[in-house]
PDB file of N, CA and C in Angstrom:
ATOM      1  N   UNK A   1      40.415 -96.772   1.955  1.00  0.00           N
ATOM      2  CA  UNK A   1      41.454 -97.607   2.563  1.00  0.00           C
ATOM      3  C   UNK A   1      42.797 -96.821   2.833  1.00  0.00           C
ATOM      4  N   UNK A   2      43.179 -96.971   3.880  1.00  0.00           N
ATOM      5  CA  UNK A   2      44.477 -96.389   4.554  1.00  0.00           C
ATOM      6  C   UNK A   2      45.771 -96.915   3.666  1.00  0.00           C
ATOM      7  N   UNK A   3      46.328 -96.023   2.934  1.00  0.00           N
ATOM      8  CA  UNK A   3      47.410 -96.396   2.053  1.00  0.00           C
ATOM      9  C   UNK A   3      48.576 -96.804   2.938  1.00  0.00           C
ATOM     10  N   UNK A   4      49.011 -96.058   3.925  1.00  0.00           N
ATOM     11  CA  UNK A   4      50.091 -96.503   4.903  1.00  0.00           C
ATOM     12  C   UNK A   4      49.819 -97.857   5.265  1.00  0.00           C
ATOM     13  N   UNK A   5      48.707 -98.022   5.770  1.00  0.00           N
ATOM     14  CA  UNK A   5      48.366 -99.456   6.527  1.00  0.00           C
ATOM     15  C   UNK A   5      48.571-100.462   5.401  1.00  0.00           C
ATOM     16  N   UNK A   6      47.944-100.212   4.159  1.00  0.00           N
ATOM     17  CA  UNK A   6      48.109-101.220   3.165  1.00  0.00           C
ATOM     18  C   UNK A   6      49.500-101.661   2.766  1.00  0.00           C
ATOM     19  N   UNK A   7      50.379-100.518   2.600  1.00  0.00           N
ATOM     20  CA  UNK A   7      51.832-100.736   2.351  1.00  0.00           C
ATOM     21  C   UNK A   7      52.527-101.473   3.469  1.00  0.00           C
ATOM     22  N   UNK A   8      52.163-101.161   4.716  1.00  0.00           N
ATOM     23  CA  UNK A   8      52.859-101.919   5.838  1.00  0.00           C
ATOM     24  C   UNK A   8      52.468-103.238   5.849  1.00  0.00           C
ATOM     25  N   UNK A   9      51.231-103.571   5.496  1.00  0.00           N
ATOM     26  CA  UNK A   9      50.811-105.054   5.388  1.00  0.00           C
ATOM     27  C   UNK A   9      51.494-105.652   4.476  1.00  0.00           C
ATOM     28  N   UNK A  10      51.653-105.028   3.197  1.00  0.00           N
ATOM     29  CA  UNK A  10      52.330-105.664   2.094  1.00  0.00           C
ATOM     30  C   UNK A  10      53.854-105.972   2.544  1.00  0.00           C
ATOM     31  N   UNK A  11      54.528-105.010   3.039  1.00  0.00           N
ATOM     32  CA  UNK A  11      55.895-105.252   3.559  1.00  0.00           C
ATOM     33  C   UNK A  11      55.975-106.449   4.649  1.00  0.00           C
ATOM     34  N   UNK A  12      55.038-106.406   5.564  1.00  0.00           N
ATOM     35  CA  UNK A  12      55.033-107.393   6.372  1.00  0.00           C
ATOM     36  C   UNK A  12      54.839-108.775   5.994  1.00  0.00           C
ATOM     37  N   UNK A  13      53.997-108.895   4.872  1.00  0.00           N
ATOM     38  CA  UNK A  13      53.823-110.067   4.239  1.00  0.00           C
ATOM     39  C   UNK A  13      55.061-110.715   3.528  1.00  0.00           C
ATOM     40  N   UNK A  14      55.907-109.681   2.912  1.00  0.00           N
ATOM     41  CA  UNK A  14      57.055-110.143   2.301  1.00  0.00           C
ATOM     42  C   UNK A  14      58.020-110.615   3.435  1.00  0.00           C
ATOM     43  N   UNK A  15      58.069-110.106   4.524  1.00  0.00           N
ATOM     44  CA  UNK A  15      58.993-110.366   5.523  1.00  0.00           C
ATOM     45  C   UNK A  15      58.561-111.803   6.270  1.00  0.00           C
ATOM     46  N   UNK A  16      57.342-112.084   6.394  1.00  0.00           N
ATOM     47  CA  UNK A  16      56.715-113.224   7.004  1.00  0.00           C
ATOM     48  C   UNK A  16      56.965-114.376   6.064  1.00  0.00           C
ATOM     49  N   UNK A  17      56.785-114.163   4.768  1.00  0.00           N
ATOM     50  CA  UNK A  17      56.850-115.220   3.636  1.00  0.00           C
ATOM     51  C   UNK A  17      58.229-115.682   3.519  1.00  0.00           C
ATOM     52  N   UNK A  18      59.308-115.024   3.895  1.00  0.00           N
ATOM     53  CA  UNK A  18      60.824-115.278   3.775  1.00  0.00           C
ATOM     54  C   UNK A  18      61.101-116.241   4.903  1.00  0.00           C
ATOM     55  N   UNK A  19      60.253-116.492   5.970  1.00  0.00           N
ATOM     56  CA  UNK A  19      60.502-117.412   6.877  1.00  0.00           C
ATOM     57  C   UNK A  19      61.391-116.881   8.325  1.00  0.00           C
ATOM     58  N   UNK A  20      61.625-117.725   9.135  1.00  0.00           N
ATOM     59  CA  UNK A  20      62.484-117.317  10.185  1.00  0.00           C
ATOM     60  C   UNK A  20      63.857-117.032   9.909  1.00  0.00           C
ATOM     61  N   UNK A  21      64.540-116.241  10.769  1.00  0.00           N
ATOM     62  CA  UNK A  21      65.963-116.159  10.607  1.00  0.00           C
ATOM     63  C   UNK A  21      66.370-114.684  10.256  1.00  0.00           C
ATOM     64  N   UNK A  22      67.642-114.275  10.409  1.00  0.00           N
ATOM     65  CA  UNK A  22      68.142-113.036   9.994  1.00  0.00           C
ATOM     66  C   UNK A  22      67.964-112.614   8.530  1.00  0.00           C
ATOM     67  N   UNK A  23      67.679-111.512   8.134  1.00  0.00           N
ATOM     68  CA  UNK A  23      67.304-110.933   6.918  1.00  0.00           C
ATOM     69  C   UNK A  23      67.873-109.646   6.673  1.00  0.00           C
ATOM     70  N   UNK A  24      68.093-109.457   5.302  1.00  0.00           N
ATOM     71  CA  UNK A  24      68.437-108.120   4.832  1.00  0.00           C
ATOM     72  C   UNK A  24      67.405-107.644   3.772  1.00  0.00           C
ATOM     73  N   UNK A  25      67.045-106.475   3.953  1.00  0.00           N
ATOM     74  CA  UNK A  25      65.948-105.785   2.934  1.00  0.00           C
ATOM     75  C   UNK A  25      66.702-104.992   2.006  1.00  0.00           C
ATOM     76  N   UNK A  26      66.807-105.468   0.720  1.00  0.00           N
ATOM     77  CA  UNK A  26      67.450-104.842  -0.359  1.00  0.00           C
ATOM     78  C   UNK A  26      66.296-103.915  -1.142  1.00  0.00           C
ATOM     79  N   UNK A  27      66.584-102.630  -1.182  1.00  0.00           N
ATOM     80  CA  UNK A  27      65.653-101.689  -1.796  1.00  0.00           C
ATOM     81  C   UNK A  27      66.306-100.831  -2.780  1.00  0.00           C
ATOM     82  N   UNK A  28      65.644-100.224  -3.682  1.00  0.00           N
ATOM     83  CA  UNK A  28      66.137 -99.098  -4.662  1.00  0.00           C
ATOM     84  C   UNK A  28      65.794 -97.738  -4.057  1.00  0.00           C
ATOM     85  N   UNK A  29      65.920 -96.689  -4.794  1.00  0.00           N
ATOM     86  CA  UNK A  29      65.757 -95.285  -4.441  1.00  0.00           C
ATOM     87  C   UNK A  29      64.441 -95.021  -4.000  1.00  0.00           C
ATOM     88  N   UNK A  30      63.430 -95.561  -4.748  1.00  0.00           N
ATOM     89  CA  UNK A  30      62.096 -95.359  -4.507  1.00  0.00           C
ATOM     90  C   UNK A  30      61.614 -96.166  -3.349  1.00  0.00           C
ATOM     91  N   UNK A  31      61.757 -97.399  -3.221  1.00  0.00           N
ATOM     92  CA  UNK A  31      61.400 -98.365  -2.260  1.00  0.00           C
ATOM     93  C   UNK A  31      61.840 -98.027  -0.918  1.00  0.00           C
ATOM     94  N   UNK A  32      63.128 -97.470  -0.799  1.00  0.00           N
ATOM     95  CA  UNK A  32      63.719 -97.030   0.422  1.00  0.00           C
ATOM     96  C   UNK A  32      62.846 -96.003   1.105  1.00  0.00           C
ATOM     97  N   UNK A  33      62.399 -94.920   0.304  1.00  0.00           N
ATOM     98  CA  UNK A  33      61.407 -93.848   0.810  1.00  0.00           C
ATOM     99  C   UNK A  33      60.025 -94.488   1.240  1.00  0.00           C
ATOM    100  N   UNK A  34      59.625 -95.564   0.515  1.00  0.00           N
ATOM    101  CA  UNK A  34      58.313 -96.157   0.944  1.00  0.00           C
ATOM    102  C   UNK A  34      58.490 -96.946   2.307  1.00  0.00           C
ATOM    103  N   UNK A  35      59.528 -97.606   2.477  1.00  0.00           N
ATOM    104  CA  UNK A  35      59.783 -98.349   3.807  1.00  0.00           C
ATOM    105  C   UNK A  35      59.893 -97.457   4.904  1.00  0.00           C
ATOM    106  N   UNK A  36      60.751 -96.361   4.709  1.00  0.00           N
ATOM    107  CA  UNK A  36      60.946 -95.345   5.780  1.00  0.00           C
ATOM    108  C   UNK A  36      59.747 -94.601   6.124  1.00  0.00           C
ATOM    109  N   UNK A  37      58.765 -94.519   5.336  1.00  0.00           N
ATOM    110  CA  UNK A  37      57.470 -93.890   5.612  1.00  0.00           C
ATOM    111  C   UNK A  37      56.513 -94.797   6.610  1.00  0.00           C
ATOM    112  N   UNK A  38      56.609 -95.969   6.365  1.00  0.00           N
ATOM    113  CA  UNK A  38      55.659 -96.836   7.091  1.00  0.00           C
ATOM    114  C   UNK A  38      56.129 -97.663   8.324  1.00  0.00           C
ATOM    115  N   UNK A  39      57.621 -97.675   8.315  1.00  0.00           N
ATOM    116  CA  UNK A  39      58.120 -98.567   9.483  1.00  0.00           C
ATOM    117  C   UNK A  39      59.118 -97.667  10.087  1.00  0.00           C
ATOM    118  N   UNK A  40      59.492 -97.751  11.481  1.00  0.00           N
ATOM    119  CA  UNK A  40      60.631 -97.257  12.150  1.00  0.00           C
ATOM    120  C   UNK A  40      61.485 -98.500  12.169  1.00  0.00           C
ATOM    121  N   UNK A  41      62.760 -98.078  12.458  1.00  0.00           N
ATOM    122  CA  UNK A  41      63.849 -99.069  12.370  1.00  0.00           C
ATOM    123  C   UNK A  41      63.491-100.050  13.530  1.00  0.00           C
ATOM    124  N   UNK A  42      63.139 -99.688  14.554  1.00  0.00           N
ATOM    125  CA  UNK A  42      62.933-100.614  15.765  1.00  0.00           C
ATOM    126  C   UNK A  42      61.667-101.432  15.333  1.00  0.00           C
ATOM    127  N   UNK A  43      60.755-101.161  14.704  1.00  0.00           N
ATOM    128  CA  UNK A  43      59.633-102.035  14.287  1.00  0.00           C
ATOM    129  C   UNK A  43      60.026-103.113  13.341  1.00  0.00           C
ATOM    130  N   UNK A  44      60.922-102.676  12.424  1.00  0.00           N
ATOM    131  CA  UNK A  44      61.354-103.714  11.431  1.00  0.00           C
ATOM    132  C   UNK A  44      62.437-104.711  11.808  1.00  0.00           C
ATOM    133  N   UNK A  45      63.081-104.127  13.012  1.00  0.00           N
ATOM    134  CA  UNK A  45      64.075-105.062  13.643  1.00  0.00           C
ATOM    135  C   UNK A  45      63.399-106.097  14.316  1.00  0.00           C
ATOM    136  N   UNK A  46      62.185-105.901  14.912  1.00  0.00           N
ATOM    137  CA  UNK A  46      61.509-106.905  15.624  1.00  0.00           C
ATOM    138  C   UNK A  46      61.195-108.051  14.774  1.00  0.00           C
ATOM    139  N   UNK A  47      61.159-107.742  13.456  1.00  0.00           N
ATOM    140  CA  UNK A  47      60.590-108.864  12.509  1.00  0.00           C
ATOM    141  C   UNK A  47      61.947-109.371  11.903  1.00  0.00           C
ATOM    142  N   UNK A  48      63.005-109.488  12.601  1.00  0.00           N
ATOM    143  CA  UNK A  48      64.377-110.171  12.231  1.00  0.00           C
ATOM    144  C   UNK A  48      65.032-109.587  10.971  1.00  0.00           C
ATOM    145  N   UNK A  49      64.730-108.321  10.503  1.00  0.00           N
ATOM    146  CA  UNK A  49      65.374-107.654   9.459  1.00  0.00           C
ATOM    147  C   UNK A  49      66.534-106.771   9.975  1.00  0.00           C
ATOM    148  N   UNK A  50      67.771-107.151   9.954  1.00  0.00           N
ATOM    149  CA  UNK A  50      68.868-106.548  10.664  1.00  0.00           C
ATOM    150  C   UNK A  50      69.632-105.694   9.792  1.00  0.00           C
ATOM    151  N   UNK A  51      69.619-105.709   8.554  1.00  0.00           N
ATOM    152  CA  UNK A  51      70.185-104.833   7.748  1.00  0.00           C
ATOM    153  C   UNK A  51      69.363-104.349   6.533  1.00  0.00           C
ATOM    154  N   UNK A  52      69.610-103.133   6.232  1.00  0.00           N
ATOM    155  CA  UNK A  52      68.946-102.367   5.131  1.00  0.00           C
ATOM    156  C   UNK A  52      69.861-101.868   4.101  1.00  0.00           C
ATOM    157  N   UNK A  53      69.891-102.359   2.844  1.00  0.00           N
ATOM    158  CA  UNK A  53      70.829-102.065   1.800  1.00  0.00           C
ATOM    159  C   UNK A  53      69.967-101.495   0.626  1.00  0.00           C
ATOM    160  N   UNK A  54      70.858-100.406  -0.093  1.00  0.00           N
ATOM    161  CA  UNK A  54      70.439-100.206  -1.408  1.00  0.00           C
ATOM    162  C   UNK A  54      70.877-101.206  -2.543  1.00  0.00           C
ATOM    163  N   UNK A  55      70.098-101.597  -3.453  1.00  0.00           N
ATOM    164  CA  UNK A  55      70.656-102.565  -4.381  1.00  0.00           C
ATOM    165  C   UNK A  55      71.671-101.909  -5.376  1.00  0.00           C
ATOM    166  N   UNK A  56      71.723-100.500  -5.322  1.00  0.00           N
ATOM    167  CA  UNK A  56      72.752 -99.781  -6.239  1.00  0.00           C
ATOM    168  C   UNK A  56      73.834 -99.569  -5.409  1.00  0.00           C
ATOM    169  N   UNK A  57      74.104 -99.798  -4.208  1.00  0.00           N
ATOM    170  CA  UNK A  57      75.192 -99.554  -3.257  1.00  0.00           C
ATOM    171  C   UNK A  57      76.560-100.270  -3.765  1.00  0.00           C
ATOM    172  N   UNK A  58      77.615 -99.599  -3.962  1.00  0.00           N
ATOM    173  CA  UNK A  58      78.848-100.199  -4.594  1.00  0.00           C
ATOM    174  C   UNK A  58      79.566-100.914  -3.503  1.00  0.00           C
ATOM    175  N   UNK A  59      79.432-100.673  -2.274  1.00  0.00           N
ATOM    176  CA  UNK A  59      80.183-101.206  -1.099  1.00  0.00           C
ATOM    177  C   UNK A  59      79.385-102.335  -0.314  1.00  0.00           C
ATOM    178  N   UNK A  60      78.510-102.956  -1.060  1.00  0.00           N
ATOM    179  CA  UNK A  60      77.741-103.995  -0.419  1.00  0.00           C
ATOM    180  C   UNK A  60      78.704-105.289  -0.156  1.00  0.00           C
ATOM    181  N   UNK A  61      78.546-105.742   1.028  1.00  0.00           N
ATOM    182  CA  UNK A  61      79.347-106.805   1.610  1.00  0.00           C
ATOM    183  C   UNK A  61      78.383-108.109   1.111  1.00  0.00           C
ATOM    184  N   UNK A  62      79.205-109.309   1.040  1.00  0.00           N
ATOM    185  CA  UNK A  62      78.679-110.574   0.886  1.00  0.00           C
ATOM    186  C   UNK A  62      78.395-111.206   2.201  1.00  0.00           C
ATOM    187  N   UNK A  63      76.952-111.438   2.344  1.00  0.00           N
ATOM    188  CA  UNK A  63      76.623-111.974   3.675  1.00  0.00           C
ATOM    189  C   UNK A  63      75.691-113.213   3.413  1.00  0.00           C
ATOM    190  N   UNK A  64      76.378-114.307   3.191  1.00  0.00           N
ATOM    191  CA  UNK A  64      75.655-115.465   2.873  1.00  0.00           C
ATOM    192  C   UNK A  64      74.750-115.956   3.997  1.00  0.00           C
ATOM    193  N   UNK A  65      74.849-115.610   5.252  1.00  0.00           N
ATOM    194  CA  UNK A  65      74.050-116.043   6.326  1.00  0.00           C
ATOM    195  C   UNK A  65      72.748-115.241   6.425  1.00  0.00           C
ATOM    196  N   UNK A  66      72.579-114.269   5.604  1.00  0.00           N
ATOM    197  CA  UNK A  66      71.313-113.574   5.784  1.00  0.00           C
ATOM    198  C   UNK A  66      70.440-113.852   4.583  1.00  0.00           C
ATOM    199  N   UNK A  67      69.150-113.963   4.924  1.00  0.00           N
ATOM    200  CA  UNK A  67      68.173-114.107   3.585  1.00  0.00           C
ATOM    201  C   UNK A  67      68.004-112.706   3.184  1.00  0.00           C
ATOM    202  N   UNK A  68      67.818-112.729   1.786  1.00  0.00           N
ATOM    203  CA  UNK A  68      67.543-111.285   1.282  1.00  0.00           C
ATOM    204  C   UNK A  68      66.147-111.149   0.780  1.00  0.00           C
ATOM    205  N   UNK A  69      65.606-110.057   1.222  1.00  0.00           N
ATOM    206  CA  UNK A  69      64.248-109.622   0.817  1.00  0.00           C
ATOM    207  C   UNK A  69      64.319-108.600  -0.236  1.00  0.00           C
ATOM    208  N   UNK A  70      64.033-108.697  -1.399  1.00  0.00           N
ATOM    209  CA  UNK A  70      64.145-107.613  -2.406  1.00  0.00           C
ATOM    210  C   UNK A  70      62.730-106.914  -2.676  1.00  0.00           C
ATOM    211  N   UNK A  71      62.910-105.679  -2.268  1.00  0.00           N
ATOM    212  CA  UNK A  71      61.710-104.803  -2.562  1.00  0.00           C
ATOM    213  C   UNK A  71      62.098-103.662  -3.478  1.00  0.00           C
ATOM    214  N   UNK A  72      61.806-103.983  -4.875  1.00  0.00           N
ATOM    215  CA  UNK A  72      62.378-103.220  -5.789  1.00  0.00           C
ATOM    216  C   UNK A  72      61.442-102.866  -7.004  1.00  0.00           C
ATOM    217  N   UNK A  73      61.548-101.761  -7.561  1.00  0.00           N
ATOM    218  CA  UNK A  73      60.643-101.459  -8.677  1.00  0.00           C
ATOM    219  C   UNK A  73      61.100-102.292 -10.008  1.00  0.00           C
ATOM    220  N   UNK A  74      60.262-102.614 -10.749  1.00  0.00           N
ATOM    221  CA  UNK A  74      60.787-103.408 -11.996  1.00  0.00           C
ATOM    222  C   UNK A  74      61.331-102.421 -13.008  1.00  0.00           C
ATOM    223  N   UNK A  75      62.718-102.706 -13.184  1.00  0.00           N
ATOM    224  CA  UNK A  75      63.324-101.715 -14.318  1.00  0.00           C
ATOM    225  C   UNK A  75      64.422-102.476 -15.008  1.00  0.00           C
ATOM    226  N   UNK A  76      64.926-102.026 -16.114  1.00  0.00           N
ATOM    227  CA  UNK A  76      65.848-102.629 -16.848  1.00  0.00           C
ATOM    228  C   UNK A  76      67.303-102.868 -16.023  1.00  0.00           C
ATOM    229  N   UNK A  77      67.554-101.849 -15.287  1.00  0.00           N
ATOM    230  CA  UNK A  77      68.823-101.914 -14.431  1.00  0.00           C
ATOM    231  C   UNK A  77      68.576-102.909 -13.437  1.00  0.00           C
ATOM    232  N   UNK A  78      67.415-103.223 -13.050  1.00  0.00           N
ATOM    233  CA  UNK A  78      67.222-104.116 -11.868  1.00  0.00           C
ATOM    234  C   UNK A  78      67.740-105.582 -12.368  1.00  0.00           C
ATOM    235  N   UNK A  79      67.570-105.911 -13.461  1.00  0.00           N
ATOM    236  CA  UNK A  79      68.096-107.253 -13.985  1.00  0.00           C
ATOM    237  C   UNK A  79      69.548-107.378 -13.836  1.00  0.00           C
ATOM    238  N   UNK A  80      70.205-106.327 -14.159  1.00  0.00           N
ATOM    239  CA  UNK A  80      71.815-106.377 -14.119  1.00  0.00           C
ATOM    240  C   UNK A  80      72.094-106.455 -12.636  1.00  0.00           C
ATOM    241  N   UNK A  81      71.419-105.599 -11.770  1.00  0.00           N
ATOM    242  CA  UNK A  81      71.712-105.617 -10.358  1.00  0.00           C
ATOM    243  C   UNK A  81      71.477-106.882  -9.534  1.00  0.00           C
ATOM    244  N   UNK A  82      70.370-107.460 -10.007  1.00  0.00           N
ATOM    245  CA  UNK A  82      70.040-108.851  -9.191  1.00  0.00           C
ATOM    246  C   UNK A  82      70.987-109.979  -9.644  1.00  0.00           C
ATOM    247  N   UNK A  83      71.796-109.733 -10.763  1.00  0.00           N
ATOM    248  CA  UNK A  83      72.678-110.753 -11.183  1.00  0.00           C
ATOM    249  C   UNK A  83      73.797-110.715 -10.186  1.00  0.00           C
ATOM    250  N   UNK A  84      74.140-109.512  -9.584  1.00  0.00           N
ATOM    251  CA  UNK A  84      75.104-109.412  -8.675  1.00  0.00           C
ATOM    252  C   UNK A  84      74.978-109.888  -7.247  1.00  0.00           C
ATOM    253  N   UNK A  85      73.686-110.320  -6.955  1.00  0.00           N
ATOM    254  CA  UNK A  85      73.168-110.608  -5.583  1.00  0.00           C
ATOM    255  C   UNK A  85      74.086-111.987  -5.317  1.00  0.00           C
ATOM    256  N   UNK A  86      74.573-111.885  -4.041  1.00  0.00           N
ATOM    257  CA  UNK A  86      75.322-113.053  -3.564  1.00  0.00           C
ATOM    258  C   UNK A  86      74.894-113.764  -2.369  1.00  0.00           C
ATOM    259  N   UNK A  87      73.699-113.332  -1.840  1.00  0.00           N
ATOM    260  CA  UNK A  87      73.088-113.979  -0.811  1.00  0.00           C
ATOM    261  C   UNK A  87      72.608-115.327  -1.364  1.00  0.00           C
ATOM    262  N   UNK A  88      72.536-116.247  -0.277  1.00  0.00           N
ATOM    263  CA  UNK A  88      72.372-117.754  -0.848  1.00  0.00           C
ATOM    264  C   UNK A  88      70.859-117.817  -1.051  1.00  0.00           C
ATOM    265  N   UNK A  89      70.030-117.080  -0.416  1.00  0.00           N
ATOM    266  CA  UNK A  89      68.561-117.293  -0.605  1.00  0.00           C
ATOM    267  C   UNK A  89      68.070-115.866  -0.673  1.00  0.00           C
ATOM    268  N   UNK A  90      67.161-115.588  -1.670  1.00  0.00           N
ATOM    269  CA  UNK A  90      66.489-114.450  -1.767  1.00  0.00           C
ATOM    270  C   UNK A  90      64.986-114.477  -2.133  1.00  0.00           C
ATOM    271  N   UNK A  91      64.345-113.500  -1.915  1.00  0.00           N
ATOM    272  CA  UNK A  91      62.878-113.477  -2.180  1.00  0.00           C
ATOM    273  C   UNK A  91      62.445-112.346  -3.009  1.00  0.00           C
ATOM    274  N   UNK A  92      61.878-112.484  -4.198  1.00  0.00           N
ATOM    275  CA  UNK A  92      61.349-111.415  -5.000  1.00  0.00           C
ATOM    276  C   UNK A  92      59.925-111.391  -5.020  1.00  0.00           C
ATOM    277  N   UNK A  93      59.367-110.196  -4.630  1.00  0.00           N
ATOM    278  CA  UNK A  93      57.890-110.073  -4.560  1.00  0.00           C
ATOM    279  C   UNK A  93      57.549-109.031  -5.549  1.00  0.00           C
TER     280      UNK A  93
END
């Protein structure tokens, strides 16, 4: 099985399951690298993902009009960072 294809399908499924509308993809250090290896920015923009943010970014703006798709590794720090999410709707996969 092609690993790149499998990861791309997994990310596509996350995006599709979030429904139509503008989205932000929240990632951590590891998942940012994963996404950048399997998708170009233009490819992911075609799927209505208009913003890419690191969950550990200190300067994250509140954008309640965007759906948040969280692609994160399960860690202890994650629980604290998710508490700070201010998007109206978010999807955890």
